[in-house]
């Protein structure tokens, strides 16, 4: 479901063609980073926007 705010490990594993355990480790790391910034997190899920920023570098793109 591309319209959801959060992305689950199963979706990450499928999109990146990695194992689910690796996807869960990535989510844990990202959620730790988000908690350190003061955000509330949900175990086993991560913000779809944050996922896209971390994987595809969307935050680095500048509109021209």
N, C-alpha and C. Protein backbone atom coordinates (compact mmCIF):
# COMPACT_ATOMS: atom_id res chain seq x y z
N UNK A 1 0.83 -1.18 0.00
CA UNK A 1 0.00 0.00 0.00
C UNK A 1 0.88 1.24 0.00
N UNK A 2 0.99 1.85 -1.10
CA UNK A 2 1.84 3.03 -1.23
C UNK A 2 1.25 4.28 -0.58
N UNK A 3 -0.03 4.26 -0.22
CA UNK A 3 -0.67 5.45 0.33
C UNK A 3 -0.62 5.51 1.85
N UNK A 4 0.04 4.57 2.50
CA UNK A 4 0.10 4.56 3.95
C UNK A 4 1.26 5.42 4.45
N UNK A 5 1.13 5.90 5.66
CA UNK A 5 2.17 6.74 6.26
C UNK A 5 3.38 5.90 6.65
N UNK A 6 3.13 4.68 7.11
CA UNK A 6 4.22 3.81 7.56
C UNK A 6 4.42 2.65 6.60
N UNK A 7 5.66 2.17 6.56
CA UNK A 7 6.00 1.02 5.74
C UNK A 7 6.46 -0.10 6.68
N UNK A 8 6.04 -1.32 6.40
CA UNK A 8 6.37 -2.48 7.23
C UNK A 8 7.60 -3.20 6.68
N UNK A 9 8.17 -4.05 7.51
CA UNK A 9 9.37 -4.80 7.12
C UNK A 9 9.12 -5.66 5.89
N UNK A 10 7.93 -6.26 5.79
CA UNK A 10 7.65 -7.12 4.64
C UNK A 10 7.68 -6.31 3.34
N UNK A 11 7.18 -5.08 3.38
CA UNK A 11 7.19 -4.23 2.19
C UNK A 11 8.62 -3.80 1.84
N UNK A 12 9.40 -3.48 2.87
CA UNK A 12 10.80 -3.09 2.64
C UNK A 12 11.57 -4.26 2.04
N UNK A 13 11.37 -5.44 2.61
CA UNK A 13 12.07 -6.63 2.11
C UNK A 13 11.73 -6.88 0.65
N UNK A 14 10.47 -6.74 0.30
CA UNK A 14 10.06 -6.96 -1.09
C UNK A 14 10.63 -5.89 -2.01
N UNK A 15 10.53 -4.63 -1.61
CA UNK A 15 11.00 -3.54 -2.47
C UNK A 15 12.50 -3.59 -2.70
N UNK A 16 13.26 -3.92 -1.65
CA UNK A 16 14.72 -3.93 -1.76
C UNK A 16 15.29 -5.30 -2.08
N UNK A 17 14.41 -6.31 -2.14
CA UNK A 17 14.82 -7.69 -2.39
C UNK A 17 15.86 -8.15 -1.37
N UNK A 18 15.50 -7.96 -0.09
CA UNK A 18 16.34 -8.40 1.01
C UNK A 18 15.51 -9.29 1.93
N UNK A 19 16.15 -9.89 2.92
CA UNK A 19 15.42 -10.74 3.86
C UNK A 19 14.63 -9.89 4.84
N UNK A 20 13.58 -10.48 5.40
CA UNK A 20 12.79 -9.75 6.40
C UNK A 20 13.61 -9.45 7.65
N UNK A 21 14.45 -10.38 8.13
CA UNK A 21 15.26 -10.03 9.30
C UNK A 21 16.14 -8.79 9.07
N UNK A 22 16.70 -8.66 7.87
CA UNK A 22 17.50 -7.48 7.56
C UNK A 22 16.62 -6.23 7.53
N UNK A 23 15.43 -6.35 6.98
CA UNK A 23 14.50 -5.22 6.95
C UNK A 23 14.15 -4.79 8.37
N UNK A 24 13.92 -5.74 9.27
CA UNK A 24 13.62 -5.40 10.67
C UNK A 24 14.81 -4.70 11.33
N UNK A 25 16.03 -5.15 11.04
CA UNK A 25 17.22 -4.49 11.60
C UNK A 25 17.32 -3.05 11.10
N UNK A 26 17.02 -2.83 9.84
CA UNK A 26 17.05 -1.48 9.28
C UNK A 26 16.00 -0.60 9.96
N UNK A 27 14.81 -1.14 10.15
CA UNK A 27 13.74 -0.39 10.82
C UNK A 27 14.15 -0.03 12.23
N UNK A 28 14.73 -0.99 12.96
CA UNK A 28 15.18 -0.69 14.33
C UNK A 28 16.19 0.45 14.35
N UNK A 29 17.14 0.42 13.43
CA UNK A 29 18.16 1.47 13.36
C UNK A 29 17.52 2.83 13.04
N UNK A 30 16.64 2.86 12.06
CA UNK A 30 15.99 4.12 11.68
C UNK A 30 15.12 4.64 12.81
N UNK A 31 14.40 3.73 13.50
CA UNK A 31 13.56 4.18 14.61
C UNK A 31 14.41 4.73 15.76
N UNK A 32 15.59 4.16 15.99
CA UNK A 32 16.50 4.72 16.99
C UNK A 32 16.90 6.14 16.60
N UNK A 33 17.21 6.35 15.33
CA UNK A 33 17.59 7.67 14.85
C UNK A 33 16.43 8.66 15.03
N UNK A 34 15.23 8.21 14.70
CA UNK A 34 14.06 9.09 14.84
C UNK A 34 13.76 9.41 16.30
N UNK A 35 13.89 8.41 17.19
CA UNK A 35 13.67 8.66 18.63
C UNK A 35 14.68 9.66 19.16
N UNK A 36 15.93 9.57 18.69
CA UNK A 36 16.97 10.51 19.12
C UNK A 36 16.63 11.94 18.69
N UNK A 37 15.86 12.08 17.63
CA UNK A 37 15.43 13.39 17.16
C UNK A 37 14.13 13.84 17.83
N UNK A 38 13.59 12.99 18.71
CA UNK A 38 12.39 13.36 19.45
C UNK A 38 11.08 12.89 18.84
N UNK A 39 11.14 12.05 17.82
CA UNK A 39 9.92 11.55 17.18
C UNK A 39 9.41 10.31 17.89
N UNK A 40 8.12 10.09 17.82
CA UNK A 40 7.50 8.87 18.31
C UNK A 40 7.59 7.84 17.20
N UNK A 41 7.90 6.60 17.56
CA UNK A 41 8.05 5.54 16.56
C UNK A 41 7.12 4.38 16.89
N UNK A 42 6.93 3.52 15.91
CA UNK A 42 6.12 2.31 16.06
C UNK A 42 7.00 1.12 15.73
N UNK A 43 7.08 0.17 16.65
CA UNK A 43 7.91 -1.00 16.47
C UNK A 43 7.48 -1.76 15.22
N UNK A 44 8.45 -2.13 14.39
CA UNK A 44 8.18 -2.92 13.20
C UNK A 44 7.73 -2.11 12.00
N UNK A 45 7.66 -0.79 12.16
CA UNK A 45 7.27 0.10 11.07
C UNK A 45 8.13 1.35 11.12
N UNK A 46 8.25 1.99 9.98
CA UNK A 46 8.97 3.25 9.92
C UNK A 46 8.22 4.17 8.95
N UNK A 47 8.37 5.44 9.15
CA UNK A 47 7.75 6.41 8.26
C UNK A 47 8.18 6.13 6.82
N UNK A 48 7.22 6.07 5.93
CA UNK A 48 7.53 5.83 4.51
C UNK A 48 8.44 6.95 3.98
N UNK A 49 8.19 8.18 4.41
CA UNK A 49 9.01 9.31 3.98
C UNK A 49 10.45 9.13 4.43
N UNK A 50 10.66 8.72 5.69
CA UNK A 50 12.01 8.53 6.20
C UNK A 50 12.71 7.39 5.47
N UNK A 51 11.97 6.31 5.20
CA UNK A 51 12.51 5.19 4.44
C UNK A 51 13.01 5.67 3.07
N UNK A 52 12.19 6.43 2.38
CA UNK A 52 12.57 6.92 1.05
C UNK A 52 13.76 7.86 1.11
N UNK A 53 13.82 8.69 2.16
CA UNK A 53 14.97 9.58 2.32
C UNK A 53 16.24 8.76 2.55
N UNK A 54 16.17 7.74 3.38
CA UNK A 54 17.35 6.94 3.70
C UNK A 54 17.82 6.08 2.53
N UNK A 55 16.88 5.53 1.78
CA UNK A 55 17.23 4.63 0.68
C UNK A 55 17.51 5.37 -0.61
N UNK A 56 16.65 6.29 -0.95
CA UNK A 56 16.74 6.95 -2.25
C UNK A 56 17.30 8.36 -2.19
N UNK A 57 17.55 8.86 -0.97
CA UNK A 57 18.12 10.20 -0.83
C UNK A 57 17.19 11.31 -1.29
N UNK A 58 15.90 11.13 -1.11
CA UNK A 58 14.95 12.11 -1.60
C UNK A 58 15.08 13.46 -0.91
N UNK A 59 15.59 13.48 0.30
CA UNK A 59 15.74 14.75 1.02
C UNK A 59 16.84 15.60 0.39
N UNK A 60 17.76 14.96 -0.35
CA UNK A 60 18.87 15.66 -0.96
C UNK A 60 18.50 16.31 -2.29
N UNK A 61 17.35 15.91 -2.86
CA UNK A 61 16.96 16.46 -4.15
C UNK A 61 16.51 17.92 -4.00
N UNK A 62 16.91 18.72 -4.95
CA UNK A 62 16.51 20.13 -4.94
C UNK A 62 15.67 20.37 -6.17
N UNK A 63 14.53 21.04 -5.95
CA UNK A 63 13.68 21.37 -7.08
C UNK A 63 14.27 22.54 -7.82
N UNK A 64 14.25 22.46 -9.14
CA UNK A 64 14.91 23.49 -9.93
C UNK A 64 14.04 24.24 -10.75
